[in-house]
Amino acid sequence: MLYSSLRSCLLANTPDSNRFVIALSGGLDSRVLLHLMGRFIRDNPQYQCDAVHVHHGLSGNADKWAQQCQQWAFEEKITYCHIEHVTLVLGNRISVEQQAREQRYLALSKHIQQGDCLLTAQHADDQLETFLLALKRGSGPAGLASMPESTTFGIGYHLRPLLQVTRQSITDYGIAHQLEWVEDESNQDQRYDRNFLRHQITPLLHQRWPGIRKAVSRSAVLCGEQEALLNELLASHLSKALHVDQSLKIVELGSERIGKQLIRQWLSLFTVLMPSQAQLQQIWHSVVWAQDDANPQVCCGSHQIRRYKQRLYVVKQWADISRFQQECKLNQPCSLPEELGTLVITTVKVSGTLRLPLKNETVSVRFEPEGIEAKPQGRIGKRKLKKLFQEYEVPSWNRRRTPLVFYNDRLAAVAGLFVTEDFVGEDCDLDWQCNSREVQ
């Protein structure tokens, strides 16, 4: 019964996919999904299936779980089981649950190629818990829609083929097939909201209203349809408000009611935790309508909503790199921190922009602009870097993420912007290769 349900779901929702990727935690749900997919691949050899286990490092058993997942994938004839290690920052303002979820999906996305389908093992009881958590947060239709059975995921798809199946049915299947699975000790920790609901609340709800799973599932579907309709009606408005760099034009937001919905739709284009009602209010009043000379920001999980030149931007919260200093050798790429790519000073025969360093000059790259003055080529007099960044229209959040090239302790160039007058020459070119700059 469970296998036929899964097979029907796969064939109905992934007509163009021939490669699946299982998110394999090793727990009961994903272990059963792995077993079912092993049978599906044997019955349908035209399909390929890999597994990905995300190693969070939070448990002393984490290494053992990773090894077990690889063994189980091998037994089920799954092509390959990749192990992805992620690092969580404990003690910050972002909950461990939220961090783990964000890092998990980021790790999984690395294994999704064009048209691939990610499979996760959420079931009907998970859907009930997700709905209740959204209700607790005071979510609107988008949040109450909970988890869709099928949605896009990066350049592929995300399918939850067990979403209509109960936890009990999955447990019965695992026992009937004598499967082994890992028991994460954190699942018993009722300090986590989801565990509290699972152990204390939903059993009472099932006892009182046996049909509550189906009722919640219907409500989630209806909320999803309402949200989809709203998105469809505002699609042309959002398209008009989007700038080519994916920022959002404030002048096109319209009324507060429409503007807030456009902001939500805009944020859904990114891997950003959707803001609460209070956060959305703050974005509208403190960021959208802040004074022109203000530098407003609102945090949404591991990202910030910022404003620059009458547009809104989604900016990742990067670590402080003001103390970073790295020596650079000619013609050798210099690796930069925090996904800033590489910087290389290349010697050229003609038409360079930077002179060769002298024998007694050490070239280094740094990121702290505080107190530094510079005189770009062709300018009269020196100016503080802060003022020059403003002139060159570098957003405030990028000013400490822009590489500064020094010859000894003198600023020679600001990558992507200018060479200072005393270091102009035709001997070298400065090349900064980076894909993570948020607007420059």
Protein backbone atom coordinates (compact mmCIF):
# COMPACT_ATOMS: atom_id res chain seq x y z
CA MET A 1 0.00 0.00 0.00
CA LEU A 2 2.75 2.43 0.97
CA TYR A 3 4.84 1.53 -2.07
CA SER A 4 1.96 1.93 -4.54
CA SER A 5 1.15 5.32 -2.98
CA LEU A 6 4.75 6.46 -3.35
CA ARG A 7 5.02 5.18 -6.92
CA SER A 8 1.85 7.00 -7.96
CA CYS A 9 3.09 10.21 -6.32
CA LEU A 10 6.48 10.04 -8.05
CA LEU A 11 5.06 9.37 -11.51
CA ALA A 12 2.36 12.03 -11.17
CA ASN A 13 4.61 14.82 -9.89
CA THR A 14 7.91 14.21 -11.69
CA PRO A 15 7.12 13.40 -15.32
CA ASP A 16 10.33 15.03 -16.58
CA SER A 17 12.70 13.91 -13.82
CA ASN A 18 14.86 10.82 -14.05
CA ARG A 19 17.14 11.49 -11.09
CA PHE A 20 16.07 11.60 -7.45
CA VAL A 21 18.03 12.76 -4.41
CA ILE A 22 16.90 11.48 -0.99
CA ALA A 23 17.49 13.59 2.11
CA LEU A 24 18.60 10.75 4.38
CA SER A 25 18.83 11.60 8.08
CA GLY A 26 18.77 7.93 9.05
CA GLY A 27 15.67 8.34 11.21
CA LEU A 28 12.62 6.13 10.76
CA ASP A 29 10.88 8.30 8.15
CA SER A 30 13.82 8.75 5.79
CA ARG A 31 14.93 5.14 6.35
CA VAL A 32 11.52 3.93 5.15
CA LEU A 33 11.69 6.34 2.19
CA LEU A 34 15.12 4.92 1.30
CA HIS A 35 13.75 1.37 1.39
CA LEU A 36 10.79 2.34 -0.80
CA MET A 37 13.04 4.11 -3.30
CA GLY A 38 15.34 1.10 -3.44
CA ARG A 39 12.39 -0.95 -4.64
CA PHE A 40 11.25 1.81 -7.03
CA ILE A 41 14.69 1.97 -8.68
CA ARG A 42 14.82 -1.82 -9.03
CA ASP A 43 11.37 -1.80 -10.66
CA ASN A 44 12.20 1.24 -12.83
CA PRO A 45 15.90 1.06 -13.83
CA GLN A 46 15.56 4.09 -16.11
CA TYR A 47 15.67 6.23 -12.97
CA GLN A 48 18.72 7.12 -10.88
CA CYS A 49 18.70 7.80 -7.15
CA ASP A 50 21.35 9.26 -4.82
CA ALA A 51 21.14 9.98 -1.10
CA VAL A 52 22.55 12.88 0.92
CA HIS A 53 23.14 12.71 4.67
CA VAL A 54 23.70 16.06 6.40
CA HIS A 55 26.13 15.74 9.33
CA HIS A 56 25.25 18.51 11.81
CA GLY A 57 27.85 17.49 14.38
CA LEU A 58 25.47 18.11 17.28
CA SER A 59 25.46 14.54 18.62
CA GLY A 60 28.28 12.29 19.73
CA ASN A 61 26.66 9.66 17.50
CA ALA A 62 26.80 11.80 14.34
CA ASP A 63 29.76 9.97 12.76
CA LYS A 64 28.12 6.60 13.42
CA TRP A 65 24.85 7.78 11.85
CA ALA A 66 26.69 8.90 8.71
CA GLN A 67 28.34 5.49 8.36
CA GLN A 68 25.03 3.70 8.88
CA CYS A 69 23.34 5.82 6.21
CA GLN A 70 26.05 4.94 3.71
CA GLN A 71 25.67 1.25 4.56
CA TRP A 72 21.87 1.32 4.21
CA ALA A 73 22.12 3.17 0.88
CA PHE A 74 24.54 0.50 -0.36
CA GLU A 75 22.16 -2.27 0.71
CA GLU A 76 19.29 -0.63 -1.17
CA LYS A 77 21.42 -0.33 -4.33
CA ILE A 78 21.21 3.47 -4.18
CA THR A 79 23.85 4.91 -6.52
CA TYR A 80 25.74 6.95 -3.93
CA CYS A 81 25.31 8.40 -0.42
CA HIS A 82 26.99 11.77 -0.04
CA ILE A 83 27.92 13.06 3.44
CA GLU A 84 27.59 16.84 3.85
CA HIS A 85 29.15 18.42 6.96
CA VAL A 86 27.60 21.66 8.20
CA THR A 87 28.53 23.92 11.12
CA LEU A 88 25.95 25.53 13.37
CA VAL A 89 26.69 28.62 15.48
CA LEU A 90 25.35 27.91 18.95
CA GLY A 91 24.27 30.68 21.27
CA ASN A 92 23.35 33.31 18.67
CA ARG A 93 19.92 34.79 18.10
CA ILE A 94 18.95 32.14 15.55
CA SER A 95 17.49 28.94 17.03
CA VAL A 96 19.34 25.67 16.56
CA GLU A 97 16.25 24.23 14.82
CA GLN A 98 16.11 27.08 12.34
CA GLN A 99 19.86 27.05 11.68
CA ALA A 100 19.85 23.29 11.15
CA ARG A 101 16.98 23.54 8.68
CA GLU A 102 18.61 26.37 6.70
CA GLN A 103 22.00 24.65 6.59
CA ARG A 104 20.41 21.31 5.72
CA TYR A 105 18.57 22.63 2.66
CA LEU A 106 21.60 24.65 1.60
CA ALA A 107 23.69 21.46 1.70
CA LEU A 108 21.04 19.47 -0.16
CA SER A 109 20.79 22.12 -2.89
CA LYS A 110 24.42 21.42 -3.86
CA HIS A 111 23.35 18.01 -5.17
CA ILE A 112 20.36 19.14 -7.23
CA GLN A 113 21.13 19.52 -10.91
CA GLN A 114 18.81 20.79 -13.63
CA GLY A 115 15.50 18.93 -13.42
CA ASP A 116 16.46 16.72 -10.44
CA CYS A 117 13.93 15.95 -7.72
CA LEU A 118 14.74 16.20 -4.02
CA LEU A 119 12.77 13.73 -1.89
CA THR A 120 12.12 14.35 1.80
CA ALA A 121 10.17 12.13 4.18
CA GLN A 122 7.75 14.51 5.90
CA HIS A 123 4.39 12.87 6.59
CA ALA A 124 0.86 13.79 7.69
CA ASP A 125 1.79 14.14 11.38
CA ASP A 126 4.68 16.45 10.45
CA GLN A 127 2.19 18.54 8.47
CA LEU A 128 -0.06 18.84 11.52
CA GLU A 129 2.88 19.97 13.67
CA THR A 130 3.99 22.48 11.04
CA PHE A 131 0.45 23.91 10.84
CA LEU A 132 0.27 24.27 14.63
CA LEU A 133 3.68 25.95 14.76
CA ALA A 134 2.54 28.42 12.10
CA LEU A 135 -0.63 29.04 14.08
CA LYS A 136 1.43 29.67 17.21
CA ARG A 137 3.47 32.27 15.30
CA GLY A 138 0.31 34.01 14.10
CA SER A 139 1.04 33.22 10.44
CA GLY A 140 -1.21 34.19 7.55
CA PRO A 141 -2.22 32.02 4.58
CA ALA A 142 1.36 31.54 3.37
CA GLY A 143 2.51 30.12 6.71
CA LEU A 144 -0.66 28.11 7.31
CA ALA A 145 -0.23 26.52 3.89
CA SER A 146 2.54 24.61 5.70
CA MET A 147 4.38 22.14 3.46
CA PRO A 148 3.31 21.63 -0.16
CA GLU A 149 3.55 18.15 -1.58
CA SER A 150 5.47 19.43 -4.59
CA THR A 151 7.34 22.67 -5.22
CA THR A 152 10.36 24.02 -7.10
CA PHE A 153 13.76 23.75 -5.43
CA GLY A 154 16.64 25.66 -6.99
CA ILE A 155 16.97 24.39 -10.55
CA GLY A 156 15.00 21.26 -9.72
CA TYR A 157 12.02 20.14 -7.68
CA HIS A 158 11.18 19.17 -4.11
CA LEU A 159 8.66 16.37 -3.53
CA ARG A 160 7.28 15.02 -0.25
CA PRO A 161 5.83 11.67 -1.38
CA LEU A 162 4.78 10.57 2.14
CA LEU A 163 2.89 13.75 3.06
CA GLN A 164 -0.50 11.98 3.10
CA VAL A 165 0.84 9.02 5.13
CA THR A 166 0.56 8.83 8.93
CA ARG A 167 3.50 8.31 11.26
CA GLN A 168 1.92 5.08 12.45
CA SER A 169 1.77 3.68 8.90
CA ILE A 170 5.46 4.46 8.44
CA THR A 171 6.30 2.82 11.77
CA ASP A 172 4.30 -0.28 10.83
CA TYR A 173 6.14 -0.50 7.50
CA GLY A 174 9.56 -0.20 9.14
CA ILE A 175 8.74 -2.96 11.64
CA ALA A 176 7.17 -5.24 9.02
CA HIS A 177 10.30 -5.03 6.84
CA GLN A 178 12.64 -5.38 9.83
CA LEU A 179 14.39 -2.12 9.05
CA GLU A 180 16.95 -0.51 11.32
CA TRP A 181 17.09 3.25 11.84
CA VAL A 182 18.83 5.77 14.08
CA GLU A 183 17.16 7.28 17.12
CA ASP A 184 18.21 10.91 17.53
CA GLU A 185 18.21 11.65 21.24
CA SER A 186 17.27 15.27 20.57
CA ASN A 187 13.83 14.09 19.36
CA GLN A 188 12.91 13.55 23.03
CA ASP A 189 13.96 17.05 24.10
CA GLN A 190 10.72 18.93 24.70
CA ARG A 191 12.48 22.27 24.90
CA TYR A 192 12.07 22.23 21.13
CA ASP A 193 8.58 23.35 20.12
CA ARG A 194 8.06 20.59 17.57
CA ASN A 195 8.95 17.88 20.08
CA PHE A 196 6.63 19.42 22.67
CA LEU A 197 3.76 19.32 20.17
CA ARG A 198 4.63 15.76 19.14
CA HIS A 199 4.75 14.34 22.65
CA GLN A 200 2.24 16.48 24.55
CA ILE A 201 -0.30 18.08 22.21
CA THR A 202 -0.99 16.11 19.04
CA PRO A 203 -1.75 12.80 20.86
CA LEU A 204 -4.59 14.59 22.69
CA LEU A 205 -5.83 16.14 19.44
CA HIS A 206 -5.87 12.73 17.73
CA GLN A 207 -7.72 11.23 20.67
CA ARG A 208 -10.38 13.94 20.65
CA TRP A 209 -10.63 14.40 16.87
CA PRO A 210 -9.34 11.35 14.95
CA GLY A 211 -9.80 13.14 11.63
CA ILE A 212 -7.72 16.18 12.52
CA ARG A 213 -4.85 15.27 10.20
CA LYS A 214 -7.13 15.31 7.16
CA ALA A 215 -8.88 18.47 8.34
CA VAL A 216 -5.58 20.31 8.80
CA SER A 217 -4.36 19.00 5.45
CA ARG A 218 -7.47 20.46 3.75
CA SER A 219 -6.96 23.81 5.51
CA ALA A 220 -3.30 23.88 4.48
CA VAL A 221 -4.24 23.18 0.85
CA LEU A 222 -6.90 25.91 0.89
CA CYS A 223 -4.46 28.42 2.38
CA GLY A 224 -1.92 27.45 -0.28
CA GLU A 225 -4.49 27.99 -3.03
CA GLN A 226 -5.41 31.41 -1.64
CA GLU A 227 -1.75 32.41 -1.49
CA ALA A 228 -1.15 31.12 -5.02
CA LEU A 229 -4.12 33.14 -6.30
CA LEU A 230 -2.82 36.30 -4.61
CA ASN A 231 0.62 35.73 -6.10
CA GLU A 232 -0.90 35.25 -9.55
CA LEU A 233 -2.93 38.46 -9.30
CA LEU A 234 0.14 40.45 -8.23
CA ALA A 235 2.65 38.81 -10.58
CA SER A 236 2.73 41.68 -13.08
CA HIS A 237 2.98 44.22 -10.25
CA LEU A 238 5.96 42.34 -8.78
CA SER A 239 7.62 42.11 -12.19
CA LYS A 240 7.35 45.88 -12.56
CA ALA A 241 8.78 46.45 -9.07
CA LEU A 242 11.80 44.15 -9.58
CA HIS A 243 15.07 45.77 -10.62
CA VAL A 244 17.47 43.88 -12.91
CA ASP A 245 19.68 43.03 -9.89
CA GLN A 246 16.67 41.47 -8.08
CA SER A 247 16.32 44.40 -5.67
CA LEU A 248 12.85 45.84 -5.11
CA LYS A 249 11.92 49.38 -6.21
CA ILE A 250 10.25 51.20 -3.33
CA VAL A 251 8.45 53.60 -5.65
CA GLU A 252 6.53 50.66 -7.19
CA LEU A 253 5.23 49.16 -3.93
CA GLY A 254 1.97 51.10 -3.81
CA SER A 255 -0.24 50.98 -0.73
CA GLU A 256 0.87 49.39 2.53
CA ARG A 257 -1.35 46.35 2.01
CA ILE A 258 -0.13 45.68 -1.52
CA GLY A 259 3.45 46.66 -0.65
CA LYS A 260 3.72 44.17 2.20
CA GLN A 261 2.44 41.35 0.03
CA LEU A 262 4.91 42.28 -2.72
CA ILE A 263 7.73 42.22 -0.18
CA ARG A 264 6.69 38.73 0.90
CA GLN A 265 6.55 37.55 -2.71
CA TRP A 266 9.92 39.15 -3.38
CA LEU A 267 11.50 37.45 -0.35
CA SER A 268 10.15 34.09 -1.54
CA LEU A 269 12.56 34.40 -4.49
CA PHE A 270 15.44 33.97 -2.05
CA THR A 271 16.34 31.32 0.54
CA VAL A 272 15.22 33.62 3.33
CA LEU A 273 13.20 32.86 6.44
CA MET A 274 9.83 34.52 5.83
CA PRO A 275 9.34 37.49 8.21
CA SER A 276 6.72 37.47 10.94
CA GLN A 277 3.93 40.03 10.91
CA ALA A 278 5.88 42.16 13.39
CA GLN A 279 9.01 41.97 11.23
CA LEU A 280 7.02 42.86 8.12
CA GLN A 281 5.62 45.87 9.94
CA GLN A 282 9.17 46.86 10.88
CA ILE A 283 10.39 46.45 7.30
CA TRP A 284 7.57 48.65 6.05
CA HIS A 285 7.86 51.45 8.60
CA SER A 286 11.57 51.34 9.52
CA VAL A 287 13.17 50.40 6.20
CA VAL A 288 10.81 51.34 3.38
CA TRP A 289 9.84 54.68 4.93
CA ALA A 290 13.10 55.55 6.71
CA GLN A 291 14.77 58.90 6.14
CA ASP A 292 16.91 59.09 3.00
CA ASP A 293 20.14 59.46 4.99
CA ALA A 294 19.33 56.52 7.30
CA ASN A 295 20.94 53.08 7.10
CA PRO A 296 18.00 50.88 8.15
CA GLN A 297 18.00 47.10 8.41
CA VAL A 298 15.77 44.30 9.67
CA CYS A 299 17.08 40.78 10.37
CA CYS A 300 15.23 37.76 8.99
CA GLY A 301 17.07 34.67 10.13
CA SER A 302 20.57 34.73 8.66
CA HIS A 303 19.77 37.60 6.29
CA GLN A 304 19.06 41.31 6.51
CA ILE A 305 16.60 43.46 4.61
CA ARG A 306 18.44 46.69 3.70
CA ARG A 307 17.66 49.79 1.67
CA TYR A 308 19.90 51.64 -0.76
CA LYS A 309 19.04 54.29 -3.38
CA GLN A 310 15.28 53.71 -2.96
CA ARG A 311 15.51 49.96 -3.43
CA LEU A 312 15.30 47.03 -1.01
CA TYR A 313 17.99 44.36 -0.90
CA VAL A 314 18.36 40.93 0.72
CA VAL A 315 21.82 40.79 2.29
CA LYS A 316 23.41 37.81 4.01
CA GLN A 317 24.79 38.45 7.50
CA TRP A 318 28.51 37.95 6.97
CA ALA A 319 31.17 37.50 9.65
CA ASP A 320 33.45 40.43 10.54
CA ILE A 321 36.61 40.33 8.39
CA SER A 322 38.06 43.71 9.40
CA ARG A 323 41.16 41.99 10.88
CA PHE A 324 41.82 39.88 7.78
CA GLN A 325 45.18 40.43 6.09
CA GLN A 326 46.63 38.18 3.38
CA GLU A 327 49.86 38.53 1.41
CA CYS A 328 49.42 38.44 -2.37
CA LYS A 329 52.01 37.09 -4.79
CA LEU A 330 52.10 38.25 -8.39
CA ASN A 331 50.21 36.01 -10.83
CA GLN A 332 48.90 33.80 -7.98
CA PRO A 333 45.21 33.89 -6.98
CA CYS A 334 44.70 35.07 -3.42
CA SER A 335 41.73 33.38 -1.69
CA LEU A 336 39.45 35.81 0.12
CA PRO A 337 37.22 35.04 3.14
CA GLU A 338 33.43 34.83 3.44
CA GLU A 339 32.69 33.73 -0.15
CA LEU A 340 34.43 36.78 -1.62
CA GLY A 341 36.18 34.69 -4.22
CA THR A 342 39.74 35.34 -5.38
CA LEU A 343 41.89 38.33 -6.18
CA VAL A 344 44.93 38.18 -8.46
CA ILE A 345 47.47 40.77 -9.57
CA THR A 346 48.61 39.73 -13.04
CA THR A 347 51.63 41.11 -14.86
CA VAL A 348 50.85 42.36 -18.39
CA LYS A 349 52.94 43.78 -21.22
CA VAL A 350 50.70 46.72 -22.12
CA SER A 351 47.61 48.59 -20.93
CA GLY A 352 47.77 47.63 -17.27
CA THR A 353 46.40 49.86 -14.53
CA LEU A 354 48.79 49.17 -11.63
CA ARG A 355 52.57 49.46 -11.33
CA LEU A 356 54.79 46.59 -10.28
CA PRO A 357 55.63 46.45 -6.58
CA LEU A 358 59.21 47.35 -5.75
CA LYS A 359 61.53 44.73 -4.31
CA ASN A 360 61.03 46.08 -0.80
CA GLU A 361 57.22 46.27 -1.13
CA THR A 362 55.00 43.48 0.17
CA VAL A 363 51.56 43.30 -1.42
CA SER A 364 48.63 42.44 0.82
CA VAL A 365 44.84 42.56 0.80
CA ARG A 366 42.78 43.91 3.71
CA PHE A 367 39.18 44.97 4.38
CA GLU A 368 39.25 47.66 7.06
CA PRO A 369 38.64 51.12 5.48
CA GLU A 370 38.32 53.06 8.75
CA GLY A 371 40.45 56.21 8.81
CA ILE A 372 42.08 55.61 5.42
CA GLU A 373 42.43 58.46 2.92
CA ALA A 374 43.02 57.95 -0.80
CA LYS A 375 43.57 59.91 -3.96
CA PRO A 376 42.21 58.02 -6.99
CA GLN A 377 43.95 58.57 -10.29
CA GLY A 378 42.96 61.89 -11.83
CA ARG A 379 41.42 63.33 -8.66
CA ILE A 380 42.49 66.50 -6.87
CA GLY A 381 43.31 65.94 -3.22
CA LYS A 382 42.67 63.04 -0.88
CA ARG A 383 39.35 61.94 0.54
CA LYS A 384 38.30 59.50 3.23
CA LEU A 385 37.44 56.05 1.85
CA LYS A 386 33.99 56.38 3.41
CA LYS A 387 33.29 59.42 1.18
CA LEU A 388 34.79 57.73 -1.87
CA PHE A 389 32.62 54.65 -1.34
CA GLN A 390 29.60 56.96 -1.28
CA GLU A 391 30.73 58.63 -4.51
CA TYR A 392 31.26 55.27 -6.20
CA GLU A 393 27.80 54.19 -4.96
CA VAL A 394 29.00 51.21 -2.90
CA PRO A 395 26.26 50.19 -0.44
CA SER A 396 27.21 50.45 3.22
CA TRP A 397 27.14 46.66 3.74
CA ASN A 398 29.71 46.12 0.98
CA ARG A 399 32.22 48.70 2.18
CA ARG A 400 33.91 46.28 4.56
CA ARG A 401 33.66 43.48 1.99
CA THR A 402 35.58 45.31 -0.76
CA PRO A 403 39.26 44.24 -1.02
CA LEU A 404 41.83 46.94 -0.32
CA VAL A 405 45.23 46.29 -1.92
CA PHE A 406 48.27 47.60 -0.05
CA TYR A 407 51.91 47.94 -1.03
CA ASN A 408 53.50 47.69 2.41
CA ASP A 409 51.21 49.97 4.45
CA ARG A 410 50.13 52.29 1.63
CA LEU A 411 46.79 51.83 -0.14
CA ALA A 412 47.46 51.06 -3.80
CA ALA A 413 44.01 50.15 -5.09
CA VAL A 414 40.42 49.39 -4.16
CA ALA A 415 39.34 46.30 -6.10
CA GLY A 416 36.69 47.03 -8.70
CA LEU A 417 36.83 50.80 -8.14
CA PHE A 418 40.15 52.62 -8.60
CA VAL A 419 43.95 52.70 -8.37
CA THR A 420 45.46 55.41 -6.20
CA GLU A 421 47.58 58.01 -7.97
CA ASP A 422 51.02 56.97 -6.64
CA PHE A 423 50.53 53.37 -7.82
CA VAL A 424 49.25 53.89 -11.35
CA GLY A 425 51.17 51.99 -14.00
CA GLU A 426 50.89 49.70 -17.01
CA ASP A 427 52.68 46.68 -15.53
CA CYS A 428 49.83 44.86 -13.78
CA ASP A 429 46.09 44.28 -13.80
CA LEU A 430 44.00 43.72 -10.71
CA ASP A 431 41.25 41.12 -11.13
CA TRP A 432 38.65 40.32 -8.47
CA GLN A 433 36.49 37.26 -9.20
CA CYS A 434 33.49 37.12 -6.89
CA ASN A 435 29.87 35.95 -7.26
CA SER A 436 28.55 36.83 -3.80
CA ARG A 437 28.58 40.63 -3.83
CA GLU A 438 25.13 42.03 -3.17
CA VAL A 439 24.95 44.91 -5.66
CA GLN A 440 28.02 46.97 -6.48
